[in-house]
Amino acid sequence: MLKSAEIEIKKEHQVLMVNKTTRNRASLREIQEGWQESATPPVKPKTGPKPDAECYYCKEKGHWKRNCSKYLADLKSGLVKKKKEVSGQAQAGTVAKSSTESEYIAASEASSEAVWMKRFIIDLGVVPSALDPLVIYCDNMGAIVNAQEPRSHKRLKHIKLRYHSIREYIEDGEVKICKVHIDLNVADPLTKALPRAKHDQHQNAMGVRYLTM
């Protein structure tokens, strides 16, 4: 080792530290191999289902969560209709390639159902406010912009024409689509696992209550 003490080494001075060893190359190689064996192996990333795996629910290839439409319809804070069904190749012949496309398709189907319910209530003539535009809440900004704009993005140009009916409903004033914060999306329990507190919050917002006998 260098005999000079650390205290005598001044700052900003270049110092060369030398350590003399008597080990040969073979012993050094053995030490390096021992270090490599004792090193912790890298953690492999978790892999989900294979893209070509057969879905148990759809009986087709592809994971069912990629093609699942879910939405809620409520009137005066009371749940009227809930939809949670698989819309994969076996059912609707449509496969969503992105979350934006999936949200757009779900919003389009929800708007069609909402317009049907609105016209039914108008025919009853008992709810004067039914003439107002119905609000469709969506937490995906890409789907909202695509619904409000008359043109299609290059990544969404392959969507079937029947799902663009939401644009006609918005133009005619039947419905309007608005952004909802992800923490306030009541339909989240239908799409993902939530903490107990948030699950109970959305459950109460749906009007679901525990029944004690």
C-alpha atoms as a PDB file:
ATOM      1  CA  MET A   1       0.000   0.000   0.000  1.00  0.00           C
ATOM      2  CA  LEU A   2       1.010   3.617  -0.331  1.00  0.00           C
ATOM      3  CA  LYS A   3       2.793   4.558   2.897  1.00  0.00           C
ATOM      4  CA  SER A   4       1.532   8.132   2.938  1.00  0.00           C
ATOM      5  CA  ALA A   5      -1.232   8.624   5.500  1.00  0.00           C
ATOM      6  CA  GLU A   6      -4.685   9.757   4.350  1.00  0.00           C
ATOM      7  CA  ILE A   7      -4.381  12.882   6.460  1.00  0.00           C
ATOM      8  CA  GLU A   8      -1.343  14.030   4.498  1.00  0.00           C
ATOM      9  CA  ILE A   9      -3.116  13.653   1.160  1.00  0.00           C
ATOM     10  CA  LYS A  10      -4.294  17.066   0.058  1.00  0.00           C
ATOM     11  CA  LYS A  11      -7.511  17.594  -1.803  1.00  0.00           C
ATOM     12  CA  GLU A  12      -7.510  17.937  -5.583  1.00  0.00           C
ATOM     13  CA  HIS A  13      -4.168  16.075  -5.788  1.00  0.00           C
ATOM     14  CA  GLN A  14      -3.870  12.983  -7.929  1.00  0.00           C
ATOM     15  CA  VAL A  15      -2.887   9.957  -5.847  1.00  0.00           C
ATOM     16  CA  LEU A  16      -2.076   6.460  -7.074  1.00  0.00           C
ATOM     17  CA  MET A  17      -3.004   3.630  -4.713  1.00  0.00           C
ATOM     18  CA  VAL A  18      -1.084   0.391  -5.337  1.00  0.00           C
ATOM     19  CA  ASN A  19      -1.812  -2.981  -3.781  1.00  0.00           C
ATOM     20  CA  LYS A  20       0.708  -5.764  -4.220  1.00  0.00           C
ATOM     21  CA  THR A  21      -0.637  -9.295  -4.570  1.00  0.00           C
ATOM     22  CA  THR A  22       1.041 -12.653  -5.059  1.00  0.00           C
ATOM     23  CA  ARG A  23      -1.956 -14.472  -6.559  1.00  0.00           C
ATOM     24  CA  ASN A  24      -1.560 -15.815 -10.050  1.00  0.00           C
ATOM     25  CA  ARG A  25      -4.038 -15.462 -12.885  1.00  0.00           C
ATOM     26  CA  ALA A  26      -5.608 -18.869 -12.238  1.00  0.00           C
ATOM     27  CA  SER A  27      -6.513 -18.021  -8.642  1.00  0.00           C
ATOM     28  CA  LEU A  28      -7.946 -14.657  -9.695  1.00  0.00           C
ATOM     29  CA  ARG A  29     -10.087 -16.420 -12.283  1.00  0.00           C
ATOM     30  CA  GLU A  30     -11.383 -18.776  -9.582  1.00  0.00           C
ATOM     31  CA  ILE A  31     -12.293 -15.809  -7.388  1.00  0.00           C
ATOM     32  CA  GLN A  32     -14.180 -14.150 -10.249  1.00  0.00           C
ATOM     33  CA  GLU A  33     -16.091 -17.365 -10.969  1.00  0.00           C
ATOM     34  CA  GLY A  34     -16.970 -17.663  -7.279  1.00  0.00           C
ATOM     35  CA  TRP A  35     -18.310 -14.108  -7.274  1.00  0.00           C
ATOM     36  CA  GLN A  36     -20.453 -14.820 -10.318  1.00  0.00           C
ATOM     37  CA  GLU A  37     -21.897 -17.964  -8.725  1.00  0.00           C
ATOM     38  CA  SER A  38     -22.698 -16.195  -5.450  1.00  0.00           C
ATOM     39  CA  ALA A  39     -24.310 -13.239  -7.203  1.00  0.00           C
ATOM     40  CA  THR A  40     -28.103 -13.055  -7.023  1.00  0.00           C
ATOM     41  CA  PRO A  41     -29.651 -14.085 -10.343  1.00  0.00           C
ATOM     42  CA  PRO A  42     -31.748 -11.389 -12.047  1.00  0.00           C
ATOM     43  CA  VAL A  43     -35.469 -11.498 -11.377  1.00  0.00           C
ATOM     44  CA  LYS A  44     -37.420 -12.572 -14.421  1.00  0.00           C
ATOM     45  CA  PRO A  45     -40.319 -10.279 -15.333  1.00  0.00           C
ATOM     46  CA  LYS A  46     -43.787 -11.646 -14.797  1.00  0.00           C
ATOM     47  CA  THR A  47     -45.483 -12.751 -17.955  1.00  0.00           C
ATOM     48  CA  GLY A  48     -49.217 -12.756 -18.490  1.00  0.00           C
ATOM     49  CA  PRO A  49     -51.255 -15.077 -20.677  1.00  0.00           C
ATOM     50  CA  LYS A  50     -49.871 -15.821 -24.090  1.00  0.00           C
ATOM     51  CA  PRO A  51     -51.447 -13.826 -26.959  1.00  0.00           C
ATOM     52  CA  ASP A  52     -52.306 -17.035 -28.799  1.00  0.00           C
ATOM     53  CA  ALA A  53     -53.697 -18.801 -25.707  1.00  0.00           C
ATOM     54  CA  GLU A  54     -57.271 -20.032 -25.990  1.00  0.00           C
ATOM     55  CA  CYS A  55     -59.787 -18.089 -23.903  1.00  0.00           C
ATOM     56  CA  TYR A  56     -62.027 -20.223 -21.683  1.00  0.00           C
ATOM     57  CA  TYR A  57     -64.958 -17.802 -21.977  1.00  0.00           C
ATOM     58  CA  CYS A  58     -64.785 -16.867 -25.674  1.00  0.00           C
ATOM     59  CA  LYS A  59     -63.572 -20.257 -26.917  1.00  0.00           C
ATOM     60  CA  GLU A  60     -61.276 -18.234 -29.152  1.00  0.00           C
ATOM     61  CA  LYS A  61     -57.642 -17.134 -29.084  1.00  0.00           C
ATOM     62  CA  GLY A  62     -56.864 -14.013 -27.095  1.00  0.00           C
ATOM     63  CA  HIS A  63     -57.508 -12.861 -23.521  1.00  0.00           C
ATOM     64  CA  TRP A  64     -61.129 -11.971 -22.733  1.00  0.00           C
ATOM     65  CA  LYS A  65     -60.193  -8.721 -20.915  1.00  0.00           C
ATOM     66  CA  ARG A  66     -59.088  -7.208 -24.218  1.00  0.00           C
ATOM     67  CA  ASN A  67     -62.620  -7.507 -25.606  1.00  0.00           C
ATOM     68  CA  CYS A  68     -64.843  -6.856 -22.608  1.00  0.00           C
ATOM     69  CA  SER A  69     -67.378  -3.998 -22.669  1.00  0.00           C
ATOM     70  CA  LYS A  70     -68.637  -2.736 -19.327  1.00  0.00           C
ATOM     71  CA  TYR A  71     -70.796   0.258 -18.403  1.00  0.00           C
ATOM     72  CA  LEU A  72     -73.514   1.361 -16.002  1.00  0.00           C
ATOM     73  CA  ALA A  73     -76.707   3.286 -16.678  1.00  0.00           C
ATOM     74  CA  ASP A  74     -78.439   5.087 -13.814  1.00  0.00           C
ATOM     75  CA  LEU A  75     -81.385   7.445 -13.456  1.00  0.00           C
ATOM     76  CA  LYS A  76     -81.780   9.756 -10.436  1.00  0.00           C
ATOM     77  CA  SER A  77     -78.900   8.045  -8.590  1.00  0.00           C
ATOM     78  CA  GLY A  78     -80.530   4.650  -9.016  1.00  0.00           C
ATOM     79  CA  LEU A  79     -78.949   1.868 -11.050  1.00  0.00           C
ATOM     80  CA  VAL A  80     -81.101   1.097 -14.098  1.00  0.00           C
ATOM     81  CA  LYS A  81     -78.937  -1.129 -16.245  1.00  0.00           C
ATOM     82  CA  LYS A  82     -75.598  -2.851 -15.934  1.00  0.00           C
ATOM     83  CA  LYS A  83     -73.701  -4.439 -18.782  1.00  0.00           C
ATOM     84  CA  LYS A  84     -70.733  -6.715 -18.399  1.00  0.00           C
ATOM     85  CA  GLU A  85     -70.387  -9.128 -21.250  1.00  0.00           C
ATOM     86  CA  VAL A  86     -67.622 -10.440 -23.410  1.00  0.00           C
ATOM     87  CA  SER A  87     -67.637  -8.940 -26.884  1.00  0.00           C
ATOM     88  CA  GLY A  88     -64.876 -10.983 -28.451  1.00  0.00           C
ATOM     89  CA  GLN A  89     -64.649 -12.785 -31.752  1.00  0.00           C
ATOM     90  CA  ALA A  90     -67.164 -15.408 -30.698  1.00  0.00           C
ATOM     91  CA  GLN A  91     -69.842 -12.821 -29.817  1.00  0.00           C
ATOM     92  CA  ALA A  92     -69.450  -9.554 -31.718  1.00  0.00           C
ATOM     93  CA  GLY A  93     -66.691 -10.232 -34.203  1.00  0.00           C
ATOM     94  CA  THR A  94     -64.657  -7.280 -32.877  1.00  0.00           C
ATOM     95  CA  VAL A  95     -61.235  -7.318 -31.261  1.00  0.00           C
ATOM     96  CA  ALA A  96     -59.956  -4.098 -29.664  1.00  0.00           C
ATOM     97  CA  LYS A  97     -56.282  -3.408 -30.335  1.00  0.00           C
ATOM     98  CA  SER A  98     -55.902  -0.724 -27.658  1.00  0.00           C
ATOM     99  CA  SER A  99     -57.546   0.540 -24.490  1.00  0.00           C
ATOM    100  CA  THR A 100     -58.695   3.677 -26.343  1.00  0.00           C
ATOM    101  CA  GLU A 101     -60.481   1.595 -28.952  1.00  0.00           C
ATOM    102  CA  SER A 102     -62.060  -0.594 -26.275  1.00  0.00           C
ATOM    103  CA  GLU A 103     -63.289   2.460 -24.347  1.00  0.00           C
ATOM    104  CA  TYR A 104     -64.626   4.036 -27.552  1.00  0.00           C
ATOM    105  CA  ILE A 105     -66.589   0.899 -28.456  1.00  0.00           C
ATOM    106  CA  ALA A 106     -67.991   0.642 -24.920  1.00  0.00           C
ATOM    107  CA  ALA A 107     -68.994   4.335 -24.991  1.00  0.00           C
ATOM    108  CA  SER A 108     -70.707   3.854 -28.348  1.00  0.00           C
ATOM    109  CA  GLU A 109     -72.687   0.853 -27.110  1.00  0.00           C
ATOM    110  CA  ALA A 110     -73.580   2.688 -23.902  1.00  0.00           C
ATOM    111  CA  SER A 111     -74.801   5.716 -25.871  1.00  0.00           C
ATOM    112  CA  SER A 112     -77.015   3.521 -28.064  1.00  0.00           C
ATOM    113  CA  GLU A 113     -78.573   1.964 -24.970  1.00  0.00           C
ATOM    114  CA  ALA A 114     -78.942   5.395 -23.332  1.00  0.00           C
ATOM    115  CA  VAL A 115     -80.702   6.873 -26.377  1.00  0.00           C
ATOM    116  CA  TRP A 116     -83.130   3.939 -26.437  1.00  0.00           C
ATOM    117  CA  MET A 117     -83.943   4.437 -22.726  1.00  0.00           C
ATOM    118  CA  LYS A 118     -84.269   8.185 -23.235  1.00  0.00           C
ATOM    119  CA  ARG A 119     -86.774   7.825 -26.070  1.00  0.00           C
ATOM    120  CA  PHE A 120     -88.726   5.256 -24.057  1.00  0.00           C
ATOM    121  CA  ILE A 121     -88.999   7.654 -21.093  1.00  0.00           C
ATOM    122  CA  ILE A 122     -89.964  10.529 -23.414  1.00  0.00           C
ATOM    123  CA  ASP A 123     -92.813   8.439 -24.824  1.00  0.00           C
ATOM    124  CA  LEU A 124     -94.110   7.901 -21.292  1.00  0.00           C
ATOM    125  CA  GLY A 125     -94.341  11.677 -20.834  1.00  0.00           C
ATOM    126  CA  VAL A 126     -93.689  11.564 -17.087  1.00  0.00           C
ATOM    127  CA  VAL A 127     -90.117  12.920 -16.938  1.00  0.00           C
ATOM    128  CA  PRO A 128     -89.837  16.429 -18.465  1.00  0.00           C
ATOM    129  CA  SER A 129     -86.055  16.501 -18.004  1.00  0.00           C
ATOM    130  CA  ALA A 130     -85.690  13.483 -20.306  1.00  0.00           C
ATOM    131  CA  LEU A 131     -85.425  15.903 -23.238  1.00  0.00           C
ATOM    132  CA  ASP A 132     -82.027  17.077 -21.972  1.00  0.00           C
ATOM    133  CA  PRO A 133     -78.894  15.428 -23.384  1.00  0.00           C
ATOM    134  CA  LEU A 134     -77.790  12.342 -21.483  1.00  0.00           C
ATOM    135  CA  VAL A 135     -74.269  12.432 -20.067  1.00  0.00           C
ATOM    136  CA  ILE A 136     -71.877   9.588 -20.894  1.00  0.00           C
ATOM    137  CA  TYR A 137     -68.898   9.545 -18.521  1.00  0.00           C
ATOM    138  CA  CYS A 138     -65.605   8.143 -19.791  1.00  0.00           C
ATOM    139  CA  ASP A 139     -62.143   8.070 -18.178  1.00  0.00           C
ATOM    140  CA  ASN A 140     -60.214   7.717 -21.448  1.00  0.00           C
ATOM    141  CA  MET A 141     -59.382  11.067 -23.062  1.00  0.00           C
ATOM    142  CA  GLY A 142     -58.520   9.472 -26.395  1.00  0.00           C
ATOM    143  CA  ALA A 143     -61.974   7.917 -26.668  1.00  0.00           C
ATOM    144  CA  ILE A 144     -63.624  11.234 -25.737  1.00  0.00           C
ATOM    145  CA  VAL A 145     -61.709  13.195 -28.378  1.00  0.00           C
ATOM    146  CA  ASN A 146     -62.419  10.564 -31.024  1.00  0.00           C
ATOM    147  CA  ALA A 147     -66.133  10.698 -30.221  1.00  0.00           C
ATOM    148  CA  GLN A 148     -66.310  14.496 -30.389  1.00  0.00           C
ATOM    149  CA  GLU A 149     -64.172  14.942 -33.508  1.00  0.00           C
ATOM    150  CA  PRO A 150     -65.605  14.220 -36.981  1.00  0.00           C
ATOM    151  CA  ARG A 151     -62.318  12.729 -38.164  1.00  0.00           C
ATOM    152  CA  SER A 152     -60.568   9.517 -37.130  1.00  0.00           C
ATOM    153  CA  HIS A 153     -57.024   9.062 -35.919  1.00  0.00           C
ATOM    154  CA  LYS A 154     -54.798   6.815 -38.000  1.00  0.00           C
ATOM    155  CA  ARG A 155     -54.634   4.287 -35.163  1.00  0.00           C
ATOM    156  CA  LEU A 156     -58.430   4.131 -34.910  1.00  0.00           C
ATOM    157  CA  LYS A 157     -59.387   4.275 -38.567  1.00  0.00           C
ATOM    158  CA  HIS A 158     -60.079   0.529 -38.676  1.00  0.00           C
ATOM    159  CA  ILE A 159     -63.011   0.766 -36.186  1.00  0.00           C
ATOM    160  CA  LYS A 160     -66.246  -0.452 -37.720  1.00  0.00           C
ATOM    161  CA  LEU A 161     -68.648   2.238 -38.884  1.00  0.00           C
ATOM    162  CA  ARG A 162     -71.464   1.112 -36.608  1.00  0.00           C
ATOM    163  CA  TYR A 163     -69.459   2.214 -33.563  1.00  0.00           C
ATOM    164  CA  HIS A 164     -69.301   5.799 -34.885  1.00  0.00           C
ATOM    165  CA  SER A 165     -73.011   6.232 -34.111  1.00  0.00           C
ATOM    166  CA  ILE A 166     -71.981   8.035 -30.917  1.00  0.00           C
ATOM    167  CA  ARG A 167     -70.796  10.956 -33.068  1.00  0.00           C
ATOM    168  CA  GLU A 168     -74.264  11.282 -34.577  1.00  0.00           C
ATOM    169  CA  TYR A 169     -75.889  11.161 -31.135  1.00  0.00           C
ATOM    170  CA  ILE A 170     -73.561  13.926 -29.902  1.00  0.00           C
ATOM    171  CA  GLU A 171     -74.194  16.059 -32.999  1.00  0.00           C
ATOM    172  CA  ASP A 172     -77.979  15.679 -32.624  1.00  0.00           C
ATOM    173  CA  GLY A 173     -77.841  16.611 -28.945  1.00  0.00           C
ATOM    174  CA  GLU A 174     -79.036  13.218 -27.753  1.00  0.00           C
ATOM    175  CA  VAL A 175     -76.001  12.599 -25.545  1.00  0.00           C
ATOM    176  CA  LYS A 176     -72.810  14.329 -24.502  1.00  0.00           C
ATOM    177  CA  ILE A 177     -69.610  12.632 -23.399  1.00  0.00           C
ATOM    178  CA  CYS A 178     -67.628  14.005 -20.458  1.00  0.00           C
ATOM    179  CA  LYS A 179     -64.381  13.171 -18.692  1.00  0.00           C
ATOM    180  CA  VAL A 180     -64.610  11.511 -15.291  1.00  0.00           C
ATOM    181  CA  HIS A 181     -61.661  11.150 -12.932  1.00  0.00           C
ATOM    182  CA  ILE A 182     -60.403   7.620 -12.514  1.00  0.00           C
ATOM    183  CA  ASP A 183     -61.120   7.769  -8.758  1.00  0.00           C
ATOM    184  CA  LEU A 184     -64.773   8.658  -9.435  1.00  0.00           C
ATOM    185  CA  ASN A 185     -65.498   6.090 -12.146  1.00  0.00           C
ATOM    186  CA  VAL A 186     -68.318   3.997 -10.675  1.00  0.00           C
ATOM    187  CA  ALA A 187     -67.869   1.294 -13.331  1.00  0.00           C
ATOM    188  CA  ASP A 188     -64.366   0.442 -12.091  1.00  0.00           C
ATOM    189  CA  PRO A 189     -65.530  -2.538  -9.958  1.00  0.00           C
ATOM    190  CA  LEU A 190     -66.607  -4.187 -13.218  1.00  0.00           C
ATOM    191  CA  THR A 191     -63.165  -3.863 -14.786  1.00  0.00           C
ATOM    192  CA  LYS A 192     -60.535  -4.276 -12.073  1.00  0.00           C
ATOM    193  CA  ALA A 193     -59.849  -5.295  -8.497  1.00  0.00           C
ATOM    194  CA  LEU A 194     -60.051  -2.348  -6.092  1.00  0.00           C
ATOM    195  CA  PRO A 195     -59.124  -1.734  -2.442  1.00  0.00           C
ATOM    196  CA  ARG A 196     -61.931  -2.427   0.008  1.00  0.00           C
ATOM    197  CA  ALA A 197     -62.597   1.240   0.801  1.00  0.00           C
ATOM    198  CA  LYS A 198     -62.841   2.294  -2.860  1.00  0.00           C
ATOM    199  CA  HIS A 199     -64.922  -0.772  -3.734  1.00  0.00           C
ATOM    200  CA  ASP A 200     -67.421   0.086  -0.982  1.00  0.00           C
ATOM    201  CA  GLN A 201     -67.489   3.712  -2.161  1.00  0.00           C
ATOM    202  CA  HIS A 202     -68.415   2.718  -5.720  1.00  0.00           C
ATOM    203  CA  GLN A 203     -70.855   0.124  -4.412  1.00  0.00           C
ATOM    204  CA  ASN A 204     -72.709   2.785  -2.436  1.00  0.00           C
ATOM    205  CA  ALA A 205     -72.695   5.059  -5.494  1.00  0.00           C
ATOM    206  CA  MET A 206     -74.424   2.286  -7.475  1.00  0.00           C
ATOM    207  CA  GLY A 207     -77.114   2.063  -4.809  1.00  0.00           C
ATOM    208  CA  VAL A 208     -76.144  -1.454  -3.748  1.00  0.00           C
ATOM    209  CA  ARG A 209     -76.845  -2.091  -0.064  1.00  0.00           C
ATOM    210  CA  TYR A 210     -76.387  -5.038   2.273  1.00  0.00           C
ATOM    211  CA  LEU A 211     -79.638  -6.799   3.152  1.00  0.00           C
ATOM    212  CA  THR A 212     -79.825  -8.137   6.698  1.00  0.00           C
ATOM    213  CA  MET A 213     -82.507 -10.656   7.528  1.00  0.00           C
END
